[in-house]
């Protein structure tokens, strides 16, 4: 039972749930204080912004892990298997490039803002850019593992595109228990 909770996807789900709970709690508390008592907690706005950035970045990692991003595969599913594999390899190589650029850009922004702090909470601005570095590293790892599977022959191009969401309904209809 403990092994199930230590899986990376379970840890990621727990982190996302915690971030969302704290974000909702902070925003709800601020709304109640503003409308009910004509006052508010100024730090909740900055905390909410930081939490939202981390939630979006980690959510992108979870979506890629679940193959929840929408893909345009109408054409790809109609071509021969060799071309599907080549398209998957090309797509993953481009994803690796984008992930590397995201990491380098976030690292550069973090370095530029290392002595800047949020005005109310005093949190370092680098905390926001660190989310980009963490997400880029995780996205890179997932993409690299899938590319290795295609190159090594563990997976074919058809397998790569088989579980991909093709419409918003596919993304909205997923259940968290359907993991590979």
N, C-alpha and C. Protein backbone atom coordinates (compact mmCIF):
# COMPACT_ATOMS: atom_id res chain seq x y z
N UNK A 1 0.83 -1.20 0.00
CA UNK A 1 0.00 0.00 0.00
C UNK A 1 0.87 1.26 0.00
N UNK A 2 1.95 1.26 0.79
CA UNK A 2 2.82 2.44 0.85
C UNK A 2 3.52 2.67 -0.48
N UNK A 3 3.81 1.57 -1.21
CA UNK A 3 4.50 1.71 -2.50
C UNK A 3 3.64 2.50 -3.49
N UNK A 4 2.33 2.33 -3.42
CA UNK A 4 1.42 3.05 -4.31
C UNK A 4 1.50 4.56 -4.08
N UNK A 5 1.67 4.99 -2.84
CA UNK A 5 1.70 6.41 -2.53
C UNK A 5 3.05 7.05 -2.83
N UNK A 6 4.08 6.26 -3.06
CA UNK A 6 5.40 6.81 -3.34
C UNK A 6 5.70 6.87 -4.83
N UNK A 7 4.75 6.46 -5.67
CA UNK A 7 4.94 6.58 -7.12
C UNK A 7 5.01 8.05 -7.48
N UNK A 8 5.83 8.39 -8.48
CA UNK A 8 5.94 9.82 -8.86
C UNK A 8 4.61 10.45 -9.25
N UNK A 9 3.74 9.71 -9.94
CA UNK A 9 2.47 10.31 -10.33
C UNK A 9 1.55 10.52 -9.13
N UNK A 10 1.63 9.64 -8.13
CA UNK A 10 0.83 9.84 -6.92
C UNK A 10 1.34 11.03 -6.12
N UNK A 11 2.65 11.20 -6.07
CA UNK A 11 3.23 12.36 -5.39
C UNK A 11 2.83 13.64 -6.12
N UNK A 12 2.87 13.62 -7.45
CA UNK A 12 2.48 14.78 -8.24
C UNK A 12 1.00 15.11 -8.03
N UNK A 13 0.16 14.09 -8.01
CA UNK A 13 -1.27 14.32 -7.75
C UNK A 13 -1.49 14.93 -6.37
N UNK A 14 -0.77 14.44 -5.38
CA UNK A 14 -0.90 14.98 -4.02
C UNK A 14 -0.43 16.43 -3.97
N UNK A 15 0.66 16.74 -4.66
CA UNK A 15 1.15 18.12 -4.69
C UNK A 15 0.13 19.03 -5.36
N UNK A 16 -0.44 18.59 -6.47
CA UNK A 16 -1.45 19.39 -7.17
C UNK A 16 -2.68 19.61 -6.30
N UNK A 17 -3.11 18.56 -5.61
CA UNK A 17 -4.28 18.69 -4.73
C UNK A 17 -3.99 19.66 -3.59
N UNK A 18 -2.81 19.57 -3.00
CA UNK A 18 -2.44 20.47 -1.92
C UNK A 18 -2.37 21.92 -2.40
N UNK A 19 -1.71 22.14 -3.54
CA UNK A 19 -1.63 23.49 -4.10
C UNK A 19 -3.01 24.07 -4.38
N UNK A 20 -3.87 23.25 -4.96
CA UNK A 20 -5.23 23.71 -5.27
C UNK A 20 -6.02 24.01 -4.00
N UNK A 21 -5.88 23.17 -2.99
CA UNK A 21 -6.60 23.39 -1.73
C UNK A 21 -6.13 24.69 -1.05
N UNK A 22 -4.83 24.91 -1.00
CA UNK A 22 -4.32 26.13 -0.38
C UNK A 22 -4.73 27.35 -1.21
N UNK A 23 -4.66 27.24 -2.53
CA UNK A 23 -5.07 28.35 -3.40
C UNK A 23 -6.54 28.70 -3.18
N UNK A 24 -7.40 27.70 -3.20
CA UNK A 24 -8.83 27.94 -2.99
C UNK A 24 -9.10 28.51 -1.60
N UNK A 25 -8.42 27.97 -0.60
CA UNK A 25 -8.59 28.47 0.77
C UNK A 25 -8.18 29.92 0.91
N UNK A 26 -7.05 30.28 0.32
CA UNK A 26 -6.56 31.66 0.41
C UNK A 26 -7.50 32.62 -0.30
N UNK A 27 -7.95 32.26 -1.49
CA UNK A 27 -8.86 33.13 -2.24
C UNK A 27 -10.21 33.24 -1.53
N UNK A 28 -10.73 32.12 -1.05
CA UNK A 28 -12.02 32.14 -0.34
C UNK A 28 -11.94 33.00 0.92
N UNK A 29 -10.88 32.84 1.67
CA UNK A 29 -10.70 33.64 2.88
C UNK A 29 -10.66 35.13 2.55
N UNK A 30 -9.93 35.48 1.51
CA UNK A 30 -9.83 36.89 1.13
C UNK A 30 -11.18 37.44 0.66
N UNK A 31 -11.94 36.65 -0.09
CA UNK A 31 -13.26 37.09 -0.55
C UNK A 31 -14.20 37.30 0.63
N UNK A 32 -14.21 36.37 1.57
CA UNK A 32 -15.06 36.50 2.75
C UNK A 32 -14.68 37.74 3.56
N UNK A 33 -13.39 37.95 3.74
CA UNK A 33 -12.95 39.11 4.52
C UNK A 33 -13.27 40.42 3.81
N UNK A 34 -13.14 40.44 2.49
CA UNK A 34 -13.41 41.69 1.75
C UNK A 34 -14.90 42.02 1.73
N UNK A 35 -15.73 41.03 1.46
CA UNK A 35 -17.16 41.31 1.35
C UNK A 35 -17.86 41.32 2.70
N UNK A 36 -17.38 40.51 3.61
CA UNK A 36 -18.04 40.42 4.92
C UNK A 36 -17.56 41.45 5.91
N UNK A 37 -16.29 41.81 5.84
CA UNK A 37 -15.73 42.69 6.87
C UNK A 37 -15.03 43.93 6.30
N UNK A 38 -15.14 44.14 4.98
CA UNK A 38 -14.53 45.29 4.30
C UNK A 38 -13.03 45.39 4.56
N UNK A 39 -12.39 44.27 4.70
CA UNK A 39 -10.93 44.23 4.84
C UNK A 39 -10.45 42.97 4.14
N UNK A 40 -9.18 42.83 4.03
CA UNK A 40 -8.64 41.63 3.39
C UNK A 40 -7.20 41.42 3.80
N UNK A 41 -6.70 40.28 3.46
CA UNK A 41 -5.30 39.97 3.74
C UNK A 41 -4.52 40.20 2.44
N UNK A 42 -3.64 41.17 2.46
CA UNK A 42 -2.93 41.53 1.23
C UNK A 42 -1.99 40.44 0.74
N UNK A 43 -1.45 39.65 1.66
CA UNK A 43 -0.50 38.63 1.23
C UNK A 43 -1.15 37.50 0.44
N UNK A 44 -2.48 37.34 0.58
CA UNK A 44 -3.13 36.23 -0.14
C UNK A 44 -3.10 36.43 -1.65
N UNK A 45 -3.06 37.67 -2.10
CA UNK A 45 -2.99 37.91 -3.55
C UNK A 45 -1.67 37.41 -4.12
N UNK A 46 -0.57 37.71 -3.43
CA UNK A 46 0.74 37.24 -3.91
C UNK A 46 0.87 35.74 -3.77
N UNK A 47 0.41 35.20 -2.66
CA UNK A 47 0.48 33.75 -2.45
C UNK A 47 -0.35 33.04 -3.51
N UNK A 48 -1.53 33.58 -3.82
CA UNK A 48 -2.40 32.97 -4.84
C UNK A 48 -1.72 32.98 -6.20
N UNK A 49 -1.04 34.06 -6.53
CA UNK A 49 -0.35 34.16 -7.82
C UNK A 49 0.77 33.13 -7.92
N UNK A 50 1.56 33.01 -6.88
CA UNK A 50 2.66 32.03 -6.88
C UNK A 50 2.10 30.61 -6.97
N UNK A 51 1.06 30.33 -6.17
CA UNK A 51 0.47 28.99 -6.20
C UNK A 51 -0.13 28.66 -7.56
N UNK A 52 -0.76 29.64 -8.20
CA UNK A 52 -1.35 29.40 -9.51
C UNK A 52 -0.28 29.08 -10.55
N UNK A 53 0.83 29.79 -10.51
CA UNK A 53 1.91 29.51 -11.46
C UNK A 53 2.43 28.09 -11.25
N UNK A 54 2.67 27.71 -10.00
CA UNK A 54 3.13 26.34 -9.73
C UNK A 54 2.08 25.31 -10.13
N UNK A 55 0.82 25.60 -9.88
CA UNK A 55 -0.26 24.69 -10.23
C UNK A 55 -0.32 24.46 -11.74
N UNK A 56 -0.18 25.52 -12.51
CA UNK A 56 -0.21 25.40 -13.97
C UNK A 56 0.98 24.59 -14.47
N UNK A 57 2.15 24.89 -13.97
CA UNK A 57 3.36 24.19 -14.43
C UNK A 57 3.32 22.70 -14.07
N UNK A 58 2.96 22.40 -12.84
CA UNK A 58 2.88 20.99 -12.45
C UNK A 58 1.71 20.28 -13.12
N UNK A 59 0.64 21.02 -13.39
CA UNK A 59 -0.49 20.45 -14.13
C UNK A 59 -0.11 20.08 -15.55
N UNK A 60 0.76 20.86 -16.17
CA UNK A 60 1.24 20.53 -17.51
C UNK A 60 2.03 19.23 -17.49
N UNK A 61 2.81 19.03 -16.43
CA UNK A 61 3.56 17.78 -16.28
C UNK A 61 2.60 16.61 -16.13
N UNK A 62 1.59 16.77 -15.28
CA UNK A 62 0.61 15.69 -15.08
C UNK A 62 -0.14 15.39 -16.37
N UNK A 63 -0.50 16.42 -17.13
CA UNK A 63 -1.22 16.21 -18.40
C UNK A 63 -0.34 15.48 -19.41
N UNK A 64 0.93 15.82 -19.48
CA UNK A 64 1.82 15.12 -20.41
C UNK A 64 1.99 13.67 -19.99
N UNK A 65 2.11 13.44 -18.69
CA UNK A 65 2.26 12.07 -18.20
C UNK A 65 1.03 11.23 -18.54
N UNK A 66 -0.15 11.84 -18.45
CA UNK A 66 -1.39 11.11 -18.75
C UNK A 66 -1.75 11.13 -20.23
N UNK A 67 -0.90 11.76 -21.05
CA UNK A 67 -1.18 11.97 -22.47
C UNK A 67 -2.49 12.73 -22.64
N UNK A 68 -2.67 13.73 -21.79
CA UNK A 68 -3.91 14.50 -21.78
C UNK A 68 -3.89 15.73 -22.65
N UNK A 69 -2.74 16.07 -23.22
CA UNK A 69 -2.71 17.22 -24.12
C UNK A 69 -3.39 16.85 -25.44
N UNK A 70 -4.09 17.79 -26.00
CA UNK A 70 -4.79 17.53 -27.26
C UNK A 70 -3.77 17.42 -28.38
N UNK A 71 -3.93 16.41 -29.21
CA UNK A 71 -3.04 16.21 -30.35
C UNK A 71 -3.86 16.15 -31.63
N UNK A 72 -3.30 16.63 -32.70
CA UNK A 72 -3.95 16.56 -34.01
C UNK A 72 -3.42 15.34 -34.73
N UNK A 73 -4.09 14.22 -34.58
CA UNK A 73 -3.58 12.96 -35.10
C UNK A 73 -4.43 12.37 -36.21
N UNK A 74 -5.38 13.14 -36.74
CA UNK A 74 -6.22 12.63 -37.82
C UNK A 74 -5.38 12.16 -39.00
N UNK A 75 -4.41 12.97 -39.37
CA UNK A 75 -3.55 12.63 -40.51
C UNK A 75 -2.57 11.52 -40.14
N UNK A 76 -1.98 11.61 -38.98
CA UNK A 76 -0.95 10.66 -38.57
C UNK A 76 -1.49 9.23 -38.51
N UNK A 77 -2.72 9.07 -38.07
CA UNK A 77 -3.28 7.71 -37.95
C UNK A 77 -3.56 7.08 -39.31
N UNK A 78 -3.50 7.85 -40.38
CA UNK A 78 -3.79 7.33 -41.72
C UNK A 78 -2.54 6.99 -42.52
N UNK A 79 -1.36 7.27 -42.01
CA UNK A 79 -0.12 7.00 -42.74
C UNK A 79 0.47 5.68 -42.27
N UNK A 80 1.40 5.09 -43.04
CA UNK A 80 2.01 3.82 -42.65
C UNK A 80 2.74 3.90 -41.31
N UNK A 81 2.95 2.75 -40.71
CA UNK A 81 3.55 2.67 -39.37
C UNK A 81 4.94 3.31 -39.31
N UNK A 82 5.73 3.14 -40.37
CA UNK A 82 7.08 3.72 -40.36
C UNK A 82 7.03 5.24 -40.31
N UNK A 83 6.08 5.83 -41.03
CA UNK A 83 5.93 7.28 -41.00
C UNK A 83 5.36 7.76 -39.66
N UNK A 84 4.51 6.95 -39.05
CA UNK A 84 4.00 7.29 -37.72
C UNK A 84 5.13 7.35 -36.71
N UNK A 85 6.02 6.36 -36.79
CA UNK A 85 7.16 6.33 -35.88
C UNK A 85 8.08 7.52 -36.14
N UNK A 86 8.32 7.83 -37.40
CA UNK A 86 9.16 8.99 -37.73
C UNK A 86 8.51 10.29 -37.23
N UNK A 87 7.21 10.42 -37.38
CA UNK A 87 6.50 11.62 -36.90
C UNK A 87 6.57 11.71 -35.38
N UNK A 88 6.43 10.57 -34.71
CA UNK A 88 6.52 10.58 -33.25
C UNK A 88 7.92 10.96 -32.79
N UNK A 89 8.94 10.44 -33.46
CA UNK A 89 10.33 10.78 -33.10
C UNK A 89 10.58 12.27 -33.34
N UNK A 90 10.12 12.78 -34.47
CA UNK A 90 10.29 14.21 -34.76
C UNK A 90 9.55 15.06 -33.73
N UNK A 91 8.32 14.69 -33.42
CA UNK A 91 7.54 15.44 -32.44
C UNK A 91 8.19 15.45 -31.06
N UNK A 92 8.69 14.29 -30.64
CA UNK A 92 9.34 14.22 -29.34
C UNK A 92 10.66 14.98 -29.33
N UNK A 93 11.38 14.95 -30.44
CA UNK A 93 12.63 15.72 -30.51
C UNK A 93 12.33 17.21 -30.39
N UNK A 94 11.27 17.67 -31.04
CA UNK A 94 10.87 19.07 -30.93
C UNK A 94 10.42 19.41 -29.51
N UNK A 95 9.73 18.46 -28.86
CA UNK A 95 9.34 18.68 -27.47
C UNK A 95 10.56 18.80 -26.57
N UNK A 96 11.56 17.96 -26.82
CA UNK A 96 12.79 18.05 -26.02
C UNK A 96 13.45 19.41 -26.20
N UNK A 97 13.46 19.90 -27.42
CA UNK A 97 14.03 21.22 -27.69
C UNK A 97 13.25 22.31 -26.93
N UNK A 98 11.94 22.25 -27.00
CA UNK A 98 11.11 23.25 -26.30
C UNK A 98 11.28 23.15 -24.78
N UNK A 99 11.38 21.92 -24.27
CA UNK A 99 11.59 21.74 -22.83
C UNK A 99 12.93 22.32 -22.41
N UNK A 100 13.96 22.11 -23.21
CA UNK A 100 15.28 22.66 -22.90
C UNK A 100 15.25 24.18 -22.95
N UNK A 101 14.56 24.75 -23.94
CA UNK A 101 14.45 26.21 -24.02
C UNK A 101 13.68 26.78 -22.83
N UNK A 102 12.63 26.08 -22.41
CA UNK A 102 11.88 26.52 -21.23
C UNK A 102 12.77 26.50 -19.99
N UNK A 103 13.55 25.43 -19.84
CA UNK A 103 14.44 25.33 -18.69
C UNK A 103 15.48 26.46 -18.70
N UNK A 104 16.11 26.65 -19.84
CA UNK A 104 17.14 27.69 -19.93
C UNK A 104 16.56 29.10 -19.73
N UNK A 105 15.38 29.34 -20.28
CA UNK A 105 14.74 30.63 -20.11
C UNK A 105 14.33 30.89 -18.67
N UNK A 106 13.79 29.88 -18.01
CA UNK A 106 13.40 30.02 -16.61
C UNK A 106 14.64 30.21 -15.73
N UNK A 107 15.72 29.50 -16.06
CA UNK A 107 16.95 29.65 -15.29
C UNK A 107 17.52 31.06 -15.47
N UNK A 108 17.46 31.56 -16.68
CA UNK A 108 17.96 32.92 -16.94
C UNK A 108 17.11 33.95 -16.19
N UNK A 109 15.80 33.80 -16.24
CA UNK A 109 14.93 34.74 -15.53
C UNK A 109 15.15 34.64 -14.02
N UNK A 110 15.37 33.44 -13.54
CA UNK A 110 15.62 33.26 -12.11
C UNK A 110 16.91 33.96 -11.71
N UNK A 111 17.92 33.85 -12.55
CA UNK A 111 19.20 34.50 -12.27
C UNK A 111 19.05 36.02 -12.31
N UNK A 112 18.29 36.54 -13.28
CA UNK A 112 18.09 37.99 -13.39
C UNK A 112 17.32 38.55 -12.19
N UNK A 113 16.43 37.76 -11.64
CA UNK A 113 15.58 38.26 -10.56
C UNK A 113 15.98 37.72 -9.19
N UNK A 114 17.23 37.28 -9.05
CA UNK A 114 17.63 36.66 -7.79
C UNK A 114 17.62 37.63 -6.61
N UNK A 115 17.72 38.91 -6.87
CA UNK A 115 17.72 39.89 -5.78
C UNK A 115 16.42 40.69 -5.73
N UNK A 116 15.38 40.21 -6.42
CA UNK A 116 14.08 40.85 -6.38
C UNK A 116 13.14 40.03 -5.50
N UNK A 117 12.28 40.72 -4.78
CA UNK A 117 11.37 40.05 -3.87
C UNK A 117 9.96 40.58 -4.08
N UNK A 118 8.98 39.73 -3.81
CA UNK A 118 7.59 40.17 -3.89
C UNK A 118 7.36 41.23 -2.82
N UNK A 119 6.63 42.29 -3.12
CA UNK A 119 6.56 43.44 -2.21
C UNK A 119 5.90 43.17 -0.86
N UNK A 120 4.87 42.35 -0.81
CA UNK A 120 4.14 42.17 0.45
C UNK A 120 4.71 41.03 1.27
N UNK A 121 4.90 39.88 0.65
CA UNK A 121 5.34 38.70 1.40
C UNK A 121 6.86 38.63 1.55
N UNK A 122 7.58 39.28 0.66
CA UNK A 122 9.04 39.20 0.71
C UNK A 122 9.60 37.92 0.12
N UNK A 123 8.74 37.12 -0.50
CA UNK A 123 9.22 35.89 -1.15
C UNK A 123 10.08 36.25 -2.36
N UNK A 124 11.10 35.47 -2.64
CA UNK A 124 11.94 35.78 -3.80
C UNK A 124 11.19 35.54 -5.11
N UNK A 125 11.40 36.42 -6.07
CA UNK A 125 10.79 36.27 -7.39
C UNK A 125 11.25 34.98 -8.07
N UNK A 126 12.43 34.52 -7.71
CA UNK A 126 12.95 33.29 -8.28
C UNK A 126 12.06 32.09 -8.01
N UNK A 127 11.25 32.17 -6.98
CA UNK A 127 10.32 31.08 -6.66
C UNK A 127 9.34 30.85 -7.81
N UNK A 128 8.93 31.91 -8.46
CA UNK A 128 8.02 31.79 -9.59
C UNK A 128 8.73 31.12 -10.77
N UNK A 129 9.96 31.56 -11.05
CA UNK A 129 10.70 31.01 -12.18
C UNK A 129 11.22 29.60 -11.91
N UNK A 130 11.36 29.26 -10.65
CA UNK A 130 11.76 27.89 -10.31
C UNK A 130 10.72 26.88 -10.77
N UNK A 131 9.45 27.30 -10.79
CA UNK A 131 8.40 26.39 -11.27
C UNK A 131 8.63 26.02 -12.73
N UNK A 132 9.10 26.97 -13.52
CA UNK A 132 9.41 26.68 -14.92
C UNK A 132 10.56 25.69 -15.05
N UNK A 133 11.55 25.82 -14.19
CA UNK A 133 12.69 24.90 -14.24
C UNK A 133 12.26 23.49 -13.83
N UNK A 134 11.48 23.39 -12.77
CA UNK A 134 11.02 22.08 -12.30
C UNK A 134 10.14 21.42 -13.37
N UNK A 135 9.20 22.18 -13.91
CA UNK A 135 8.31 21.63 -14.94
C UNK A 135 9.09 21.24 -16.18
N UNK A 136 10.01 22.09 -16.62
CA UNK A 136 10.79 21.78 -17.82
C UNK A 136 11.62 20.51 -17.63
N UNK A 137 12.20 20.34 -16.46
CA UNK A 137 12.99 19.13 -16.21
C UNK A 137 12.11 17.88 -16.24
N UNK A 138 10.92 17.97 -15.63
CA UNK A 138 10.02 16.82 -15.64
C UNK A 138 9.47 16.54 -17.04
N UNK A 139 9.11 17.59 -17.76
CA UNK A 139 8.62 17.42 -19.13
C UNK A 139 9.72 16.81 -20.01
N UNK A 140 10.94 17.26 -19.83
CA UNK A 140 12.07 16.73 -20.58
C UNK A 140 12.26 15.24 -20.29
N UNK A 141 12.18 14.88 -19.01
CA UNK A 141 12.36 13.47 -18.63
C UNK A 141 11.27 12.58 -19.25
N UNK A 142 10.03 13.02 -19.21
CA UNK A 142 8.93 12.24 -19.79
C UNK A 142 9.12 12.10 -21.30
N UNK A 143 9.44 13.20 -21.96
CA UNK A 143 9.62 13.17 -23.42
C UNK A 143 10.83 12.32 -23.80
N UNK A 144 11.91 12.44 -23.04
CA UNK A 144 13.11 11.65 -23.33
C UNK A 144 12.84 10.16 -23.16
N UNK A 145 12.08 9.79 -22.13
CA UNK A 145 11.75 8.38 -21.90
C UNK A 145 10.90 7.84 -23.06
N UNK A 146 9.95 8.62 -23.53
CA UNK A 146 9.12 8.19 -24.66
C UNK A 146 9.94 8.10 -25.94
N UNK A 147 10.85 9.05 -26.14
CA UNK A 147 11.71 9.01 -27.32
C UNK A 147 12.62 7.78 -27.27
N UNK A 148 13.14 7.48 -26.11
CA UNK A 148 13.98 6.28 -25.95
C UNK A 148 13.17 5.03 -26.28
N UNK A 149 11.92 4.99 -25.86
CA UNK A 149 11.06 3.85 -26.17
C UNK A 149 10.83 3.67 -27.66
N UNK A 150 10.69 4.77 -28.37
CA UNK A 150 10.50 4.70 -29.83
C UNK A 150 11.78 4.26 -30.52
N UNK A 151 12.90 4.83 -30.12
CA UNK A 151 14.18 4.52 -30.77
C UNK A 151 14.61 3.09 -30.45
N UNK A 152 14.38 2.66 -29.21
CA UNK A 152 14.80 1.30 -28.80
C UNK A 152 13.82 0.23 -29.28
N UNK A 153 12.64 0.64 -29.72
CA UNK A 153 11.68 -0.33 -30.24
C UNK A 153 10.70 -0.85 -29.21
N UNK A 154 10.68 -0.29 -28.00
CA UNK A 154 9.71 -0.71 -26.99
C UNK A 154 8.31 -0.27 -27.36
N UNK A 155 8.24 0.77 -28.19
CA UNK A 155 6.96 1.34 -28.56
C UNK A 155 7.01 1.71 -30.04
N UNK A 156 5.88 1.57 -30.71
CA UNK A 156 5.82 1.96 -32.11
C UNK A 156 5.14 3.33 -32.23
N UNK A 157 5.20 3.91 -33.40
CA UNK A 157 4.53 5.18 -33.62
C UNK A 157 3.04 5.07 -33.41
N UNK A 158 2.46 3.94 -33.82
CA UNK A 158 1.01 3.74 -33.63
C UNK A 158 0.68 3.69 -32.15
N UNK A 159 1.53 3.01 -31.36
CA UNK A 159 1.31 2.96 -29.91
C UNK A 159 1.42 4.35 -29.29
N UNK A 160 2.36 5.12 -29.80
CA UNK A 160 2.58 6.46 -29.27
C UNK A 160 1.36 7.36 -29.44
N UNK A 161 0.69 7.25 -30.57
CA UNK A 161 -0.47 8.09 -30.84
C UNK A 161 -1.79 7.45 -30.41
N UNK A 162 -1.78 6.19 -29.99
CA UNK A 162 -3.03 5.48 -29.69
C UNK A 162 -3.76 6.06 -28.49
N UNK A 163 -3.05 6.43 -27.43
CA UNK A 163 -3.69 6.89 -26.21
C UNK A 163 -3.75 8.40 -26.09
N UNK A 164 -3.55 9.09 -27.20
CA UNK A 164 -3.52 10.55 -27.18
C UNK A 164 -4.93 11.10 -27.25
N UNK A 165 -5.20 12.11 -26.44
CA UNK A 165 -6.50 12.78 -26.48
C UNK A 165 -6.61 13.53 -27.80
N UNK A 166 -7.75 13.39 -28.46
CA UNK A 166 -7.94 14.04 -29.76
C UNK A 166 -9.01 15.12 -29.73
N UNK A 167 -9.68 15.30 -28.61
CA UNK A 167 -10.71 16.33 -28.52
C UNK A 167 -10.81 16.82 -27.08
N UNK A 168 -11.42 17.97 -26.87
CA UNK A 168 -11.61 18.44 -25.50
C UNK A 168 -12.42 17.47 -24.65
N UNK A 169 -13.33 16.73 -25.30
CA UNK A 169 -14.14 15.77 -24.56
C UNK A 169 -13.27 14.63 -24.04
N UNK A 170 -12.26 14.21 -24.83
CA UNK A 170 -11.36 13.17 -24.37
C UNK A 170 -10.58 13.63 -23.14
N UNK A 171 -10.14 14.88 -23.16
CA UNK A 171 -9.38 15.41 -22.03
C UNK A 171 -10.27 15.55 -20.83
N UNK A 172 -11.48 16.07 -21.03
CA UNK A 172 -12.39 16.31 -19.91
C UNK A 172 -12.92 14.98 -19.34
N UNK A 173 -12.97 13.93 -20.15
CA UNK A 173 -13.54 12.68 -19.72
C UNK A 173 -12.59 11.70 -19.11
N UNK A 174 -11.33 12.07 -18.89
CA UNK A 174 -10.38 11.12 -18.35
C UNK A 174 -10.67 10.89 -16.86
N UNK A 175 -10.32 9.72 -16.37
CA UNK A 175 -10.43 9.43 -14.95
C UNK A 175 -9.03 9.19 -14.41
N UNK A 176 -8.74 9.73 -13.23
CA UNK A 176 -7.38 9.64 -12.69
C UNK A 176 -6.87 8.21 -12.53
N UNK A 177 -7.73 7.23 -12.41
CA UNK A 177 -7.26 5.86 -12.22
C UNK A 177 -6.77 5.17 -13.48
N UNK A 178 -6.99 5.75 -14.65
CA UNK A 178 -6.61 5.12 -15.92
C UNK A 178 -5.19 5.50 -16.31
N UNK A 179 -4.23 5.00 -15.61
CA UNK A 179 -2.84 5.31 -15.88
C UNK A 179 -2.18 4.09 -16.48
N UNK A 180 -1.15 4.35 -17.27
CA UNK A 180 -0.44 3.23 -17.90
C UNK A 180 0.70 2.79 -17.04
